[in-house]
Amino acid sequence: MLMSRAQVSTPLATRCLTRLCRHWSHKFIVSFDETRGDIFFDPSRCLLEINDDGLLITLHAPDVTQLDELEPVVADHLQRMAAEELLSISWQR
Protein backbone atom coordinates (compact mmCIF):
# COMPACT_ATOMS: atom_id res chain seq x y z
CA MET A 1 0.00 0.00 0.00
CA LEU A 2 1.09 3.53 -0.76
CA MET A 3 0.59 6.35 1.72
CA SER A 4 -0.12 10.08 1.61
CA ARG A 5 -0.43 12.41 4.63
CA ALA A 6 -1.67 15.90 5.34
CA GLN A 7 -1.46 17.81 8.61
CA VAL A 8 -4.37 20.24 8.83
CA SER A 9 -4.09 23.02 11.41
CA THR A 10 -7.55 23.78 12.71
CA PRO A 11 -9.18 24.48 16.07
CA LEU A 12 -12.19 22.58 14.71
CA ALA A 13 -10.38 19.25 14.25
CA THR A 14 -12.83 17.19 16.32
CA ARG A 15 -15.82 18.74 14.58
CA CYS A 16 -14.32 18.07 11.13
CA LEU A 17 -13.41 14.48 12.01
CA THR A 18 -16.86 13.73 13.42
CA ARG A 19 -18.76 15.34 10.56
CA LEU A 20 -16.67 13.67 7.87
CA CYS A 21 -17.01 10.23 9.46
CA ARG A 22 -20.77 10.62 9.91
CA HIS A 23 -21.12 11.87 6.34
CA TRP A 24 -19.32 8.87 4.86
CA SER A 25 -20.79 6.30 7.26
CA HIS A 26 -23.86 6.14 5.01
CA LYS A 27 -21.77 4.84 2.12
CA PHE A 28 -18.63 3.22 3.58
CA ILE A 29 -17.52 1.23 6.61
CA VAL A 30 -16.54 3.84 9.20
CA SER A 31 -15.47 3.74 12.83
CA PHE A 32 -14.70 6.82 14.89
CA ASP A 33 -14.63 8.56 18.24
CA GLU A 34 -13.64 12.11 19.22
CA THR A 35 -9.92 11.61 18.53
CA ARG A 36 -9.67 9.08 15.70
CA GLY A 37 -11.59 8.01 12.62
CA ASP A 38 -11.21 5.20 10.09
CA ILE A 39 -12.96 5.29 6.72
CA PHE A 40 -12.64 2.18 4.55
CA PHE A 41 -13.05 2.90 0.85
CA ASP A 42 -12.12 -0.70 0.00
CA PRO A 43 -9.38 -1.25 -0.85
CA SER A 44 -8.23 2.21 0.18
CA ARG A 45 -8.43 3.68 3.68
CA CYS A 46 -8.47 7.11 5.32
CA LEU A 47 -7.24 7.48 8.89
CA LEU A 48 -8.03 10.71 10.77
CA GLU A 49 -6.23 11.51 14.03
CA ILE A 50 -6.51 14.52 16.32
CA ASN A 51 -3.12 15.80 17.51
CA ASP A 52 -1.67 18.95 19.07
CA ASP A 53 -1.50 20.65 15.65
CA GLY A 54 -5.05 19.83 14.56
CA LEU A 55 -5.97 16.91 12.32
CA LEU A 56 -3.60 14.40 10.72
CA ILE A 57 -5.04 12.66 7.65
CA THR A 58 -3.36 9.51 6.36
CA LEU A 59 -4.50 7.85 3.15
CA HIS A 60 -3.53 4.29 2.25
CA ALA A 61 -4.13 3.12 -1.32
CA PRO A 62 -2.94 0.20 -3.44
CA ASP A 63 -1.62 2.44 -6.24
CA VAL A 64 -0.80 5.99 -7.28
CA THR A 65 -3.97 6.32 -9.34
CA GLN A 66 -6.17 5.77 -6.30
CA LEU A 67 -4.09 8.17 -4.19
CA ASP A 68 -4.43 10.76 -6.95
CA GLU A 69 -8.21 10.29 -6.88
CA LEU A 70 -8.61 10.19 -3.09
CA GLU A 71 -6.53 13.23 -2.13
CA PRO A 72 -8.81 15.86 -3.74
CA VAL A 73 -11.99 14.02 -2.74
CA VAL A 74 -10.99 13.83 0.93
CA ALA A 75 -9.75 17.44 0.90
CA ASP A 76 -12.97 18.69 -0.72
CA HIS A 77 -15.22 16.83 1.70
CA LEU A 78 -13.15 17.91 4.70
CA GLN A 79 -13.42 21.54 3.57
CA ARG A 80 -17.20 21.17 3.36
CA MET A 81 -17.27 19.83 6.92
CA ALA A 82 -15.21 22.82 8.12
CA ALA A 83 -17.80 25.17 6.57
CA GLU A 84 -16.69 28.73 7.30
CA GLU A 85 -13.03 27.95 8.08
CA LEU A 86 -10.68 27.80 5.08
CA LEU A 87 -8.40 24.78 5.52
CA SER A 88 -4.90 24.41 4.12
CA ILE A 89 -4.47 20.80 3.01
CA SER A 90 -1.13 19.83 1.49
CA TRP A 91 -0.48 16.16 0.81
CA GLN A 92 2.95 14.59 1.37
CA ARG A 93 3.86 11.21 -0.09
PDB file of N, CA and C in Angstrom:
ATOM      1  N   MET A   1       0.832  -1.191   0.000  1.00  0.00           N
ATOM      2  CA  MET A   1       0.000   0.000   0.000  1.00  0.00           C
ATOM      3  C   MET A   1       0.875   1.252   0.000  1.00  0.00           C
ATOM      4  N   LEU A   2       0.436   2.228  -0.750  1.00  0.00           N
ATOM      5  CA  LEU A   2       1.088   3.529  -0.763  1.00  0.00           C
ATOM      6  C   LEU A   2       0.411   4.432   0.255  1.00  0.00           C
ATOM      7  N   MET A   3       1.127   5.492   0.670  1.00  0.00           N
ATOM      8  CA  MET A   3       0.589   6.348   1.718  1.00  0.00           C
ATOM      9  C   MET A   3       0.781   7.816   1.354  1.00  0.00           C
ATOM     10  N   SER A   4      -0.184   8.639   1.761  1.00  0.00           N
ATOM     11  CA  SER A   4      -0.123  10.083   1.615  1.00  0.00           C
ATOM     12  C   SER A   4      -0.664  10.692   2.902  1.00  0.00           C
ATOM     13  N   ARG A   5      -0.005  11.780   3.370  1.00  0.00           N
ATOM     14  CA  ARG A   5      -0.427  12.414   4.630  1.00  0.00           C
ATOM     15  C   ARG A   5      -0.602  13.910   4.451  1.00  0.00           C
ATOM     16  N   ALA A   6      -1.491  14.452   5.266  1.00  0.00           N
ATOM     17  CA  ALA A   6      -1.675  15.904   5.341  1.00  0.00           C
ATOM     18  C   ALA A   6      -1.954  16.278   6.788  1.00  0.00           C
ATOM     19  N   GLN A   7      -1.209  17.256   7.292  1.00  0.00           N
ATOM     20  CA  GLN A   7      -1.460  17.806   8.612  1.00  0.00           C
ATOM     21  C   GLN A   7      -2.282  19.077   8.412  1.00  0.00           C
ATOM     22  N   VAL A   8      -3.469  19.112   8.991  1.00  0.00           N
ATOM     23  CA  VAL A   8      -4.370  20.244   8.833  1.00  0.00           C
ATOM     24  C   VAL A   8      -4.480  20.971  10.168  1.00  0.00           C
ATOM     25  N   SER A   9      -3.998  22.207  10.195  1.00  0.00           N
ATOM     26  CA  SER A   9      -4.089  23.021  11.410  1.00  0.00           C
ATOM     27  C   SER A   9      -5.475  23.633  11.488  1.00  0.00           C
ATOM     28  N   THR A  10      -6.203  23.258  12.523  1.00  0.00           N
ATOM     29  CA  THR A  10      -7.552  23.781  12.712  1.00  0.00           C
ATOM     30  C   THR A  10      -7.973  23.618  14.168  1.00  0.00           C
ATOM     31  N   PRO A  11      -8.626  24.630  14.729  1.00  0.00           N
ATOM     32  CA  PRO A  11      -9.179  24.476  16.071  1.00  0.00           C
ATOM     33  C   PRO A  11     -10.461  23.637  16.066  1.00  0.00           C
ATOM     34  N   LEU A  12     -10.956  23.347  14.859  1.00  0.00           N
ATOM     35  CA  LEU A  12     -12.193  22.575  14.712  1.00  0.00           C
ATOM     36  C   LEU A  12     -11.921  21.131  14.304  1.00  0.00           C
ATOM     37  N   ALA A  13     -10.774  20.591  14.684  1.00  0.00           N
ATOM     38  CA  ALA A  13     -10.384  19.248  14.252  1.00  0.00           C
ATOM     39  C   ALA A  13     -11.401  18.174  14.644  1.00  0.00           C
ATOM     40  N   THR A  14     -11.861  18.194  15.873  1.00  0.00           N
ATOM     41  CA  THR A  14     -12.828  17.185  16.325  1.00  0.00           C
ATOM     42  C   THR A  14     -14.131  17.298  15.542  1.00  0.00           C
ATOM     43  N   ARG A  15     -14.590  18.515  15.348  1.00  0.00           N
ATOM     44  CA  ARG A  15     -15.823  18.737  14.577  1.00  0.00           C
ATOM     45  C   ARG A  15     -15.675  18.225  13.140  1.00  0.00           C
ATOM     46  N   CYS A  16     -14.553  18.528  12.502  1.00  0.00           N
ATOM     47  CA  CYS A  16     -14.318  18.073  11.125  1.00  0.00           C
ATOM     48  C   CYS A  16     -14.266  16.555  11.054  1.00  0.00           C
ATOM     49  N   LEU A  17     -13.528  15.937  11.977  1.00  0.00           N
ATOM     50  CA  LEU A  17     -13.410  14.479  12.006  1.00  0.00           C
ATOM     51  C   LEU A  17     -14.785  13.840  12.167  1.00  0.00           C
ATOM     52  N   THR A  18     -15.541  14.305  13.143  1.00  0.00           N
ATOM     53  CA  THR A  18     -16.858  13.726  13.421  1.00  0.00           C
ATOM     54  C   THR A  18     -17.808  13.898  12.247  1.00  0.00           C
ATOM     55  N   ARG A  19     -17.858  15.084  11.688  1.00  0.00           N
ATOM     56  CA  ARG A  19     -18.757  15.342  10.558  1.00  0.00           C
ATOM     57  C   ARG A  19     -18.394  14.503   9.335  1.00  0.00           C
ATOM     58  N   LEU A  20     -17.091  14.433   9.035  1.00  0.00           N
ATOM     59  CA  LEU A  20     -16.666  13.671   7.868  1.00  0.00           C
ATOM     60  C   LEU A  20     -16.987  12.184   8.040  1.00  0.00           C
ATOM     61  N   CYS A  21     -16.716  11.650   9.214  1.00  0.00           N
ATOM     62  CA  CYS A  21     -17.005  10.235   9.458  1.00  0.00           C
ATOM     63  C   CYS A  21     -18.505   9.954   9.401  1.00  0.00           C
ATOM     64  N   ARG A  22     -19.309  10.808   9.985  1.00  0.00           N
ATOM     65  CA  ARG A  22     -20.772  10.617   9.910  1.00  0.00           C
ATOM     66  C   ARG A  22     -21.261  10.709   8.470  1.00  0.00           C
ATOM     67  N   HIS A  23     -20.724  11.671   7.730  1.00  0.00           N
ATOM     68  CA  HIS A  23     -21.119  11.871   6.340  1.00  0.00           C
ATOM     69  C   HIS A  23     -20.864  10.609   5.518  1.00  0.00           C
ATOM     70  N   TRP A  24     -19.678  10.028   5.666  1.00  0.00           N
ATOM     71  CA  TRP A  24     -19.322   8.866   4.858  1.00  0.00           C
ATOM     72  C   TRP A  24     -19.802   7.545   5.445  1.00  0.00           C
ATOM     73  N   SER A  25     -20.320   7.550   6.653  1.00  0.00           N
ATOM     74  CA  SER A  25     -20.787   6.299   7.256  1.00  0.00           C
ATOM     75  C   SER A  25     -22.026   5.761   6.550  1.00  0.00           C
ATOM     76  N   HIS A  26     -22.684   6.583   5.753  1.00  0.00           N
ATOM     77  CA  HIS A  26     -23.863   6.138   5.006  1.00  0.00           C
ATOM     78  C   HIS A  26     -23.474   5.355   3.751  1.00  0.00           C
ATOM     79  N   LYS A  27     -22.200   5.473   3.359  1.00  0.00           N
ATOM     80  CA  LYS A  27     -21.766   4.840   2.119  1.00  0.00           C
ATOM     81  C   LYS A  27     -20.625   3.836   2.307  1.00  0.00           C
ATOM     82  N   PHE A  28     -19.811   4.043   3.351  1.00  0.00           N
ATOM     83  CA  PHE A  28     -18.631   3.221   3.577  1.00  0.00           C
ATOM     84  C   PHE A  28     -18.614   2.679   5.004  1.00  0.00           C
ATOM     85  N   ILE A  29     -17.723   1.730   5.247  1.00  0.00           N
ATOM     86  CA  ILE A  29     -17.518   1.231   6.606  1.00  0.00           C
ATOM     87  C   ILE A  29     -16.670   2.271   7.338  1.00  0.00           C
ATOM     88  N   VAL A  30     -17.195   2.771   8.450  1.00  0.00           N
ATOM     89  CA  VAL A  30     -16.541   3.842   9.197  1.00  0.00           C
ATOM     90  C   VAL A  30     -16.581   3.518  10.677  1.00  0.00           C
ATOM     91  N   SER A  31     -15.480   3.795  11.366  1.00  0.00           N
ATOM     92  CA  SER A  31     -15.469   3.739  12.829  1.00  0.00           C
ATOM     93  C   SER A  31     -14.778   5.006  13.311  1.00  0.00           C
ATOM     94  N   PHE A  32     -15.300   5.583  14.398  1.00  0.00           N
ATOM     95  CA  PHE A  32     -14.696   6.820  14.891  1.00  0.00           C
ATOM     96  C   PHE A  32     -15.115   7.118  16.318  1.00  0.00           C
ATOM     97  N   ASP A  33     -14.299   7.957  16.949  1.00  0.00           N
ATOM     98  CA  ASP A  33     -14.629   8.559  18.238  1.00  0.00           C
ATOM     99  C   ASP A  33     -14.168  10.013  18.148  1.00  0.00           C
ATOM    100  N   GLU A  34     -13.987  10.690  19.259  1.00  0.00           N
ATOM    101  CA  GLU A  34     -13.643  12.111  19.218  1.00  0.00           C
ATOM    102  C   GLU A  34     -12.190  12.393  18.852  1.00  0.00           C
ATOM    103  N   THR A  35     -11.334  11.374  18.821  1.00  0.00           N
ATOM    104  CA  THR A  35      -9.921  11.606  18.528  1.00  0.00           C
ATOM    105  C   THR A  35      -9.383  10.850  17.323  1.00  0.00           C
ATOM    106  N   ARG A  36     -10.170   9.920  16.791  1.00  0.00           N
ATOM    107  CA  ARG A  36      -9.667   9.080  15.701  1.00  0.00           C
ATOM    108  C   ARG A  36     -10.826   8.597  14.830  1.00  0.00           C
ATOM    109  N   GLY A  37     -10.580   8.530  13.536  1.00  0.00           N
ATOM    110  CA  GLY A  37     -11.585   8.012  12.619  1.00  0.00           C
ATOM    111  C   GLY A  37     -10.939   7.150  11.551  1.00  0.00           C
ATOM    112  N   ASP A  38     -11.638   6.102  11.154  1.00  0.00           N
ATOM    113  CA  ASP A  38     -11.205   5.197  10.087  1.00  0.00           C
ATOM    114  C   ASP A  38     -12.323   5.111   9.061  1.00  0.00           C
ATOM    115  N   ILE A  39     -11.996   5.402   7.810  1.00  0.00           N
ATOM    116  CA  ILE A  39     -12.959   5.291   6.724  1.00  0.00           C
ATOM    117  C   ILE A  39     -12.382   4.301   5.719  1.00  0.00           C
ATOM    118  N   PHE A  40     -13.105   3.228   5.457  1.00  0.00           N
ATOM    119  CA  PHE A  40     -12.641   2.184   4.549  1.00  0.00           C
ATOM    120  C   PHE A  40     -13.327   2.330   3.204  1.00  0.00           C
ATOM    121  N   PHE A  41     -12.532   2.737   2.204  1.00  0.00           N
ATOM    122  CA  PHE A  41     -13.054   2.901   0.850  1.00  0.00           C
ATOM    123  C   PHE A  41     -12.948   1.613   0.049  1.00  0.00           C
ATOM    124  N   ASP A  42     -12.294   0.617   0.582  1.00  0.00           N
ATOM    125  CA  ASP A  42     -12.124  -0.705  -0.004  1.00  0.00           C
ATOM    126  C   ASP A  42     -11.694  -0.658  -1.470  1.00  0.00           C
ATOM    127  N   PRO A  43     -10.430  -0.782  -1.747  1.00  0.00           N
ATOM    128  CA  PRO A  43      -9.384  -1.249  -0.849  1.00  0.00           C
ATOM    129  C   PRO A  43      -8.622  -0.130  -0.141  1.00  0.00           C
ATOM    130  N   SER A  44      -8.937   1.094  -0.436  1.00  0.00           N
ATOM    131  CA  SER A  44      -8.230   2.212   0.184  1.00  0.00           C
ATOM    132  C   SER A  44      -8.796   2.540   1.559  1.00  0.00           C
ATOM    133  N   ARG A  45      -8.036   3.356   2.313  1.00  0.00           N
ATOM    134  CA  ARG A  45      -8.428   3.683   3.684  1.00  0.00           C
ATOM    135  C   ARG A  45      -7.990   5.103   4.018  1.00  0.00           C
ATOM    136  N   CYS A  46      -8.787   5.775   4.826  1.00  0.00           N
ATOM    137  CA  CYS A  46      -8.470   7.114   5.318  1.00  0.00           C
ATOM    138  C   CYS A  46      -8.492   7.075   6.836  1.00  0.00           C
ATOM    139  N   LEU A  47      -7.362   7.436   7.439  1.00  0.00           N
ATOM    140  CA  LEU A  47      -7.243   7.483   8.891  1.00  0.00           C
ATOM    141  C   LEU A  47      -7.163   8.953   9.305  1.00  0.00           C
ATOM    142  N   LEU A  48      -7.995   9.356  10.250  1.00  0.00           N
ATOM    143  CA  LEU A  48      -8.027  10.714  10.769  1.00  0.00           C
ATOM    144  C   LEU A  48      -7.642  10.664  12.242  1.00  0.00           C
ATOM    145  N   GLU A  49      -6.682  11.504  12.639  1.00  0.00           N
ATOM    146  CA  GLU A  49      -6.229  11.514  14.026  1.00  0.00           C
ATOM    147  C   GLU A  49      -6.073  12.950  14.527  1.00  0.00           C
ATOM    148  N   ILE A  50      -6.670  13.217  15.681  1.00  0.00           N
ATOM    149  CA  ILE A  50      -6.507  14.515  16.322  1.00  0.00           C
ATOM    150  C   ILE A  50      -5.129  14.531  16.993  1.00  0.00           C
ATOM    151  N   ASN A  51      -4.393  15.632  16.813  1.00  0.00           N
ATOM    152  CA  ASN A  51      -3.117  15.799  17.511  1.00  0.00           C
ATOM    153  C   ASN A  51      -2.997  17.256  17.964  1.00  0.00           C
ATOM    154  N   ASP A  52      -1.867  17.601  18.542  1.00  0.00           N
ATOM    155  CA  ASP A  52      -1.674  18.953  19.073  1.00  0.00           C
ATOM    156  C   ASP A  52      -1.766  20.037  18.003  1.00  0.00           C
ATOM    157  N   ASP A  53      -1.481  19.680  16.751  1.00  0.00           N
ATOM    158  CA  ASP A  53      -1.496  20.649  15.652  1.00  0.00           C
ATOM    159  C   ASP A  53      -2.825  20.706  14.905  1.00  0.00           C
ATOM    160  N   GLY A  54      -3.751  19.843  15.241  1.00  0.00           N
ATOM    161  CA  GLY A  54      -5.047  19.826  14.556  1.00  0.00           C
ATOM    162  C   GLY A  54      -5.448  18.429  14.159  1.00  0.00           C
ATOM    163  N   LEU A  55      -5.482  18.182  12.846  1.00  0.00           N
ATOM    164  CA  LEU A  55      -5.969  16.912  12.316  1.00  0.00           C
ATOM    165  C   LEU A  55      -4.950  16.331  11.348  1.00  0.00           C
ATOM    166  N   LEU A  56      -4.507  15.110  11.614  1.00  0.00           N
ATOM    167  CA  LEU A  56      -3.602  14.405  10.717  1.00  0.00           C
ATOM    168  C   LEU A  56      -4.438  13.431   9.888  1.00  0.00           C
ATOM    169  N   ILE A  57      -4.320  13.546   8.569  1.00  0.00           N
ATOM    170  CA  ILE A  57      -5.042  12.664   7.655  1.00  0.00           C
ATOM    171  C   ILE A  57      -4.018  11.764   6.978  1.00  0.00           C
ATOM    172  N   THR A  58      -4.241  10.464   7.022  1.00  0.00           N
ATOM    173  CA  THR A  58      -3.359   9.513   6.357  1.00  0.00           C
ATOM    174  C   THR A  58      -4.194   8.658   5.414  1.00  0.00           C
ATOM    175  N   LEU A  59      -3.829   8.681   4.150  1.00  0.00           N
ATOM    176  CA  LEU A  59      -4.498   7.854   3.149  1.00  0.00           C
ATOM    177  C   LEU A  59      -3.611   6.667   2.810  1.00  0.00           C
ATOM    178  N   HIS A  60      -4.217   5.502   2.700  1.00  0.00           N
ATOM    179  CA  HIS A  60      -3.528   4.292   2.246  1.00  0.00           C
ATOM    180  C   HIS A  60      -4.271   3.809   1.005  1.00  0.00           C
ATOM    181  N   ALA A  61      -3.521   3.572  -0.067  1.00  0.00           N
ATOM    182  CA  ALA A  61      -4.132   3.115  -1.315  1.00  0.00           C
ATOM    183  C   ALA A  61      -3.200   2.126  -2.003  1.00  0.00           C
ATOM    184  N   PRO A  62      -3.768   1.220  -2.798  1.00  0.00           N
ATOM    185  CA  PRO A  62      -2.941   0.205  -3.437  1.00  0.00           C
ATOM    186  C   PRO A  62      -2.065   0.735  -4.574  1.00  0.00           C
ATOM    187  N   ASP A  63      -2.409   1.907  -5.134  1.00  0.00           N
ATOM    188  CA  ASP A  63      -1.618   2.435  -6.242  1.00  0.00           C
ATOM    189  C   ASP A  63      -1.718   3.962  -6.314  1.00  0.00           C
ATOM    190  N   VAL A  64      -0.868   4.539  -7.128  1.00  0.00           N
ATOM    191  CA  VAL A  64      -0.796   5.992  -7.277  1.00  0.00           C
ATOM    192  C   VAL A  64      -2.094   6.555  -7.833  1.00  0.00           C
ATOM    193  N   THR A  65      -2.717   5.849  -8.743  1.00  0.00           N
ATOM    194  CA  THR A  65      -3.965   6.324  -9.342  1.00  0.00           C
ATOM    195  C   THR A  65      -5.033   6.549  -8.278  1.00  0.00           C
ATOM    196  N   GLN A  66      -5.165   5.610  -7.357  1.00  0.00           N
ATOM    197  CA  GLN A  66      -6.172   5.766  -6.304  1.00  0.00           C
ATOM    198  C   GLN A  66      -5.803   6.883  -5.338  1.00  0.00           C
ATOM    199  N   LEU A  67      -4.513   7.048  -5.032  1.00  0.00           N
ATOM    200  CA  LEU A  67      -4.093   8.174  -4.193  1.00  0.00           C
ATOM    201  C   LEU A  67      -4.419   9.489  -4.884  1.00  0.00           C
ATOM    202  N   ASP A  68      -4.130   9.553  -6.177  1.00  0.00           N
ATOM    203  CA  ASP A  68      -4.429  10.762  -6.951  1.00  0.00           C
ATOM    204  C   ASP A  68      -5.923  11.090  -6.932  1.00  0.00           C
ATOM    205  N   GLU A  69      -6.758  10.081  -6.921  1.00  0.00           N
ATOM    206  CA  GLU A  69      -8.212  10.286  -6.881  1.00  0.00           C
ATOM    207  C   GLU A  69      -8.700  10.643  -5.483  1.00  0.00           C
ATOM    208  N   LEU A  70      -8.140   9.987  -4.465  1.00  0.00           N
ATOM    209  CA  LEU A  70      -8.606  10.192  -3.092  1.00  0.00           C
ATOM    210  C   LEU A  70      -8.216  11.534  -2.489  1.00  0.00           C
ATOM    211  N   GLU A  71      -7.008  11.988  -2.753  1.00  0.00           N
ATOM    212  CA  GLU A  71      -6.534  13.229  -2.127  1.00  0.00           C
ATOM    213  C   GLU A  71      -7.499  14.399  -2.337  1.00  0.00           C
ATOM    214  N   PRO A  72      -7.885  14.722  -3.564  1.00  0.00           N
ATOM    215  CA  PRO A  72      -8.806  15.859  -3.737  1.00  0.00           C
ATOM    216  C   PRO A  72     -10.211  15.587  -3.202  1.00  0.00           C
ATOM    217  N   VAL A  73     -10.655  14.351  -3.242  1.00  0.00           N
ATOM    218  CA  VAL A  73     -11.994  14.022  -2.736  1.00  0.00           C
ATOM    219  C   VAL A  73     -12.046  14.210  -1.224  1.00  0.00           C
ATOM    220  N   VAL A  74     -11.043  13.683  -0.519  1.00  0.00           N
ATOM    221  CA  VAL A  74     -10.990  13.832   0.935  1.00  0.00           C
ATOM    222  C   VAL A  74     -10.837  15.305   1.300  1.00  0.00           C
ATOM    223  N   ALA A  75      -9.950  16.016   0.616  1.00  0.00           N
ATOM    224  CA  ALA A  75      -9.750  17.438   0.897  1.00  0.00           C
ATOM    225  C   ALA A  75     -11.031  18.243   0.680  1.00  0.00           C
ATOM    226  N   ASP A  76     -11.722  17.981  -0.420  1.00  0.00           N
ATOM    227  CA  ASP A  76     -12.967  18.693  -0.719  1.00  0.00           C
ATOM    228  C   ASP A  76     -14.039  18.428   0.334  1.00  0.00           C
ATOM    229  N   HIS A  77     -14.205  17.171   0.694  1.00  0.00           N
ATOM    230  CA  HIS A  77     -15.218  16.832   1.701  1.00  0.00           C
ATOM    231  C   HIS A  77     -14.849  17.399   3.071  1.00  0.00           C
ATOM    232  N   LEU A  78     -13.571  17.360   3.419  1.00  0.00           N
ATOM    233  CA  LEU A  78     -13.154  17.913   4.700  1.00  0.00           C
ATOM    234  C   LEU A  78     -13.413  19.425   4.744  1.00  0.00           C
ATOM    235  N   GLN A  79     -13.152  20.107   3.631  1.00  0.00           N
ATOM    236  CA  GLN A  79     -13.418  21.538   3.575  1.00  0.00           C
ATOM    237  C   GLN A  79     -14.904  21.824   3.758  1.00  0.00           C
ATOM    238  N   ARG A  80     -15.745  21.002   3.178  1.00  0.00           N
ATOM    239  CA  ARG A  80     -17.202  21.166   3.360  1.00  0.00           C
ATOM    240  C   ARG A  80     -17.600  21.002   4.822  1.00  0.00           C
ATOM    241  N   MET A  81     -16.955  20.069   5.519  1.00  0.00           N
ATOM    242  CA  MET A  81     -17.275  19.830   6.922  1.00  0.00           C
ATOM    243  C   MET A  81     -16.795  20.994   7.804  1.00  0.00           C
ATOM    244  N   ALA A  82     -15.741  21.687   7.363  1.00  0.00           N
ATOM    245  CA  ALA A  82     -15.210  22.821   8.125  1.00  0.00           C
ATOM    246  C   ALA A  82     -16.065  24.068   7.926  1.00  0.00           C
ATOM    247  N   ALA A  83     -16.875  24.062   6.882  1.00  0.00           N
ATOM    248  CA  ALA A  83     -17.796  25.167   6.568  1.00  0.00           C
ATOM    249  C   ALA A  83     -17.070  26.493   6.427  1.00  0.00           C
ATOM    250  N   GLU A  84     -17.189  27.357   7.412  1.00  0.00           N
ATOM    251  CA  GLU A  84     -16.693  28.729   7.298  1.00  0.00           C
ATOM    252  C   GLU A  84     -15.169  28.854   7.391  1.00  0.00           C
ATOM    253  N   GLU A  85     -14.480  27.864   7.941  1.00  0.00           N
ATOM    254  CA  GLU A  85     -13.031  27.951   8.079  1.00  0.00           C
ATOM    255  C   GLU A  85     -12.343  27.439   6.793  1.00  0.00           C
ATOM    256  N   LEU A  86     -11.439  28.222   6.248  1.00  0.00           N
ATOM    257  CA  LEU A  86     -10.683  27.798   5.075  1.00  0.00           C
ATOM    258  C   LEU A  86      -9.494  26.960   5.513  1.00  0.00           C
ATOM    259  N   LEU A  87      -9.471  25.698   5.112  1.00  0.00           N
ATOM    260  CA  LEU A  87      -8.405  24.782   5.519  1.00  0.00           C
ATOM    261  C   LEU A  87      -7.272  24.771   4.494  1.00  0.00           C
ATOM    262  N   SER A  88      -6.066  24.601   4.981  1.00  0.00           N
ATOM    263  CA  SER A  88      -4.899  24.407   4.122  1.00  0.00           C
ATOM    264  C   SER A  88      -4.539  22.927   4.183  1.00  0.00           C
ATOM    265  N   ILE A  89      -4.716  22.239   3.053  1.00  0.00           N
ATOM    266  CA  ILE A  89      -4.467  20.799   3.008  1.00  0.00           C
ATOM    267  C   ILE A  89      -3.416  20.522   1.947  1.00  0.00           C
ATOM    268  N   SER A  90      -2.242  20.113   2.392  1.00  0.00           N
ATOM    269  CA  SER A  90      -1.129  19.835   1.490  1.00  0.00           C
ATOM    270  C   SER A  90      -0.663  18.395   1.720  1.00  0.00           C
ATOM    271  N   TRP A  91      -0.802  17.583   0.693  1.00  0.00           N
ATOM    272  CA  TRP A  91      -0.481  16.158   0.808  1.00  0.00           C
ATOM    273  C   TRP A  91       1.012  15.911   0.633  1.00  0.00           C
ATOM    274  N   GLN A  92       1.544  15.011   1.442  1.00  0.00           N
ATOM    275  CA  GLN A  92       2.948  14.589   1.371  1.00  0.00           C
ATOM    276  C   GLN A  92       2.982  13.080   1.173  1.00  0.00           C
ATOM    277  N   ARG A  93       3.733  12.656   0.177  1.00  0.00           N
ATOM    278  CA  ARG A  93       3.864  11.207  -0.087  1.00  0.00           C
ATOM    279  C   ARG A  93       5.237  10.730   0.285  1.00  0.00           C
TER     280      ARG A  93
END
